[in-house]
Each structure stands twice: as C-alpha cells, then as structure tokens.
N, C-alpha and C. Protein backbone atom coordinates (compact mmCIF):
# COMPACT_ATOMS: atom_id res chain seq x y z
N UNK A 1 95.52 20.44 111.69
CA UNK A 1 96.68 19.81 112.79
C UNK A 1 97.84 20.38 113.41
N UNK A 2 98.11 20.82 114.17
CA UNK A 2 99.10 21.02 114.89
C UNK A 2 100.61 21.14 113.86
N UNK A 3 101.45 21.96 114.34
CA UNK A 3 102.82 21.55 113.55
C UNK A 3 103.51 20.41 114.12
N UNK A 4 104.32 19.50 113.52
CA UNK A 4 104.74 18.12 113.65
C UNK A 4 105.86 18.77 114.49
N UNK A 5 106.66 19.67 114.63
CA UNK A 5 107.84 20.21 115.40
C UNK A 5 107.24 20.90 116.30
N UNK A 6 107.64 21.40 117.36
CA UNK A 6 107.27 22.84 118.48
C UNK A 6 108.10 23.18 118.81
N UNK A 7 108.61 24.54 119.12
CA UNK A 7 109.97 25.00 120.23
C UNK A 7 108.78 25.68 121.45
N UNK A 8 109.19 25.22 122.50
CA UNK A 8 108.72 25.77 123.50
C UNK A 8 110.00 26.81 124.41
N UNK A 9 109.61 27.56 125.42
CA UNK A 9 110.91 27.48 126.37
C UNK A 9 109.94 27.81 127.44
N UNK A 10 111.10 27.19 128.87
CA UNK A 10 110.52 27.03 130.42
C UNK A 10 111.83 27.72 130.94
N UNK A 11 111.71 28.99 131.15
CA UNK A 11 112.87 30.07 131.60
C UNK A 11 113.87 29.83 130.72
N UNK A 12 115.35 28.81 131.13
CA UNK A 12 116.60 28.76 130.33
C UNK A 12 116.37 27.79 129.36
N UNK A 13 115.36 26.76 129.19
CA UNK A 13 115.33 25.73 128.45
C UNK A 13 114.24 25.63 127.65
N UNK A 14 114.58 25.20 126.51
CA UNK A 14 114.27 25.45 125.30
C UNK A 14 113.47 23.71 125.12
N UNK A 15 112.17 23.33 125.04
CA UNK A 15 111.55 22.18 124.64
C UNK A 15 111.12 21.81 123.04
N UNK A 16 111.63 21.01 122.85
CA UNK A 16 111.72 20.78 120.92
C UNK A 16 110.94 19.42 121.44
N UNK A 17 109.47 19.44 120.80
CA UNK A 17 108.00 18.95 120.54
C UNK A 17 107.93 17.95 119.33
N UNK A 18 108.34 16.55 119.45
CA UNK A 18 108.01 16.10 118.11
C UNK A 18 106.34 15.35 118.32
N UNK A 19 105.68 16.05 117.12
CA UNK A 19 103.64 15.28 117.15
C UNK A 19 103.55 15.14 116.24
N UNK A 20 103.61 13.94 116.16
CA UNK A 20 103.66 13.14 114.54
C UNK A 20 103.19 12.14 114.47
N UNK A 21 101.37 11.92 115.00
CA UNK A 21 100.59 10.93 115.35
C UNK A 21 100.98 9.66 114.26
N UNK A 22 100.47 8.70 113.97
CA UNK A 22 100.57 8.23 115.31
C UNK A 22 101.95 7.64 116.03
N UNK A 23 102.64 7.47 115.39
CA UNK A 23 103.77 7.19 116.58
C UNK A 23 105.10 8.13 115.97
N UNK A 24 105.10 9.51 116.08
CA UNK A 24 105.80 10.35 115.92
C UNK A 24 107.19 9.89 114.52
N UNK A 25 106.78 9.39 113.00
CA UNK A 25 107.71 8.90 112.69
C UNK A 25 108.78 9.89 111.81
N UNK A 26 109.44 9.65 111.98
CA UNK A 26 110.42 10.43 111.34
C UNK A 26 110.62 10.53 109.55
N UNK A 27 110.52 11.72 108.69
CA UNK A 27 110.79 11.20 107.20
C UNK A 27 111.54 12.74 106.79
N UNK A 28 112.17 13.04 105.73
CA UNK A 28 112.97 14.03 105.16
C UNK A 28 112.41 15.43 105.73
N UNK A 29 111.36 15.66 105.59
CA UNK A 29 110.57 16.58 105.98
C UNK A 29 110.45 17.15 107.61
N UNK A 30 110.24 15.80 108.50
CA UNK A 30 110.07 16.27 109.99
C UNK A 30 111.58 16.71 110.33
N UNK A 31 112.83 15.78 109.53
CA UNK A 31 113.98 16.07 109.76
C UNK A 31 114.29 17.62 109.72
N UNK A 32 113.29 18.31 108.40
CA UNK A 32 113.69 19.53 108.29
C UNK A 32 113.44 20.59 109.27
N UNK A 33 112.27 19.93 109.98
CA UNK A 33 112.04 20.99 111.20
C UNK A 33 112.48 20.55 112.11
N UNK A 34 113.18 19.53 112.11
CA UNK A 34 113.61 19.52 113.45
C UNK A 34 115.06 20.56 113.48
N UNK A 35 115.24 20.42 112.53
CA UNK A 35 116.78 21.29 112.36
C UNK A 35 116.55 22.70 112.31
N UNK A 36 115.19 22.96 111.93
CA UNK A 36 115.29 24.30 111.79
C UNK A 36 114.67 24.77 113.23
N UNK A 37 113.82 23.85 113.85
CA UNK A 37 113.63 24.02 115.59
C UNK A 37 115.14 24.50 116.36
N UNK A 38 115.99 23.61 116.02
CA UNK A 38 117.28 23.67 116.90
C UNK A 38 117.95 24.83 116.16
N UNK A 39 117.99 25.66 115.21
CA UNK A 39 118.61 26.65 114.84
C UNK A 39 117.79 28.07 115.30
N UNK A 40 117.09 27.72 115.52
CA UNK A 40 115.96 28.76 116.22
C UNK A 40 116.64 28.73 117.93
N UNK A 41 116.36 27.23 118.43
CA UNK A 41 117.27 27.54 119.91
C UNK A 41 118.11 28.07 120.10
N UNK A 42 119.50 27.74 119.06
CA UNK A 42 120.79 28.13 118.66
C UNK A 42 120.82 30.14 118.49
N UNK A 43 119.87 30.02 118.00
CA UNK A 43 119.84 32.14 117.89
C UNK A 43 119.05 32.34 118.91
N UNK A 44 118.42 31.84 119.77
CA UNK A 44 117.62 32.76 120.98
C UNK A 44 118.87 32.41 122.06
N UNK A 45 119.21 34.26 122.36
CA UNK A 45 120.16 33.82 123.77
C UNK A 45 119.58 33.45 124.95
N UNK A 46 118.44 33.40 125.38
CA UNK A 46 117.78 32.97 126.59
C UNK A 46 118.02 31.23 126.53
N UNK A 47 117.98 30.92 125.69
CA UNK A 47 117.89 29.43 125.73
C UNK A 47 119.32 28.77 125.86
N UNK A 48 119.72 28.06 127.35
CA UNK A 48 120.83 27.09 127.11
C UNK A 48 120.62 26.36 127.49
N UNK A 49 120.21 25.63 127.21
CA UNK A 49 119.77 24.34 126.79
C UNK A 49 118.43 23.82 126.27
N UNK A 50 118.90 22.35 125.42
CA UNK A 50 117.64 22.00 124.33
C UNK A 50 117.31 20.49 125.23
N UNK A 51 115.92 20.17 125.67
CA UNK A 51 115.43 18.97 125.62
C UNK A 51 114.57 18.32 123.90
N UNK A 52 114.88 17.14 123.46
CA UNK A 52 114.00 16.75 122.67
C UNK A 52 113.01 15.58 123.18
N UNK A 53 112.01 15.91 122.77
CA UNK A 53 110.93 15.02 123.42
C UNK A 53 110.04 14.59 122.55
N UNK A 54 109.68 13.53 122.38
CA UNK A 54 107.80 12.93 122.04
C UNK A 54 106.91 12.99 122.37
N UNK A 55 105.74 13.45 122.12
CA UNK A 55 104.43 14.02 122.34
C UNK A 55 103.48 12.36 122.23
N UNK A 56 103.43 12.57 123.51
CA UNK A 56 102.10 11.00 123.83
C UNK A 56 103.41 9.99 124.56
N UNK A 57 103.02 8.44 124.02
CA UNK A 57 103.67 7.56 124.03
C UNK A 57 105.03 7.21 123.28
N UNK A 58 105.32 7.79 122.63
CA UNK A 58 106.41 7.67 122.02
C UNK A 58 107.38 8.68 121.81
N UNK A 59 109.05 8.53 121.67
CA UNK A 59 109.67 9.21 121.38
C UNK A 59 109.65 9.67 119.62
N UNK A 60 110.30 8.62 119.07
CA UNK A 60 110.18 8.78 117.35
C UNK A 60 110.17 6.99 117.53
N UNK A 61 109.26 6.83 116.14
CA UNK A 61 109.60 5.15 115.47
C UNK A 61 109.72 5.04 114.01
N UNK A 62 110.61 4.64 113.80
CA UNK A 62 110.55 4.35 112.32
C UNK A 62 111.43 5.19 111.77
N UNK A 63 111.42 5.79 110.41
CA UNK A 63 112.68 6.15 109.59
C UNK A 63 112.10 5.83 108.07
N UNK A 64 112.86 6.27 107.72
CA UNK A 64 112.99 6.41 106.18
C UNK A 64 114.11 5.97 105.42
N UNK A 65 113.99 5.65 104.02
CA UNK A 65 115.26 4.68 103.58
C UNK A 65 115.32 5.61 102.98
C-alpha cells in the first residue's frame, strides 16, 4: 500500500494528497501524516503555495471522536 499522505511538487506549488481508501477517512495517525507533510512544505524554500486534495472521489469523509 502507498503512503496515506504524500507531498509532491509542481514548480512552486506543493500538492499534499490524502490517499486512504475507500473514503480518505481521517484518524489521529492521518492527521500526524498531514502535519508532517505541511511542515516539510514549510521547510522547502522552493514551495510557495500548498494545495490539499484527496485522491479519487473524496476529499475526506469521516473523522474520529
């Protein structure tokens, strides 16, 4: 299985993609992955903007209590 959250770059734009099938559901572990990728984007001088997206049909569905 691939990483549930990835950070890629197109020119000066970082793209943070949530990929946690079937509905990209959030969990405490998923949030930690997102935070890690956001920090990596902040540390990358070449990234000037960040897009947060979900893979396939969902941005993110669900959550946790």
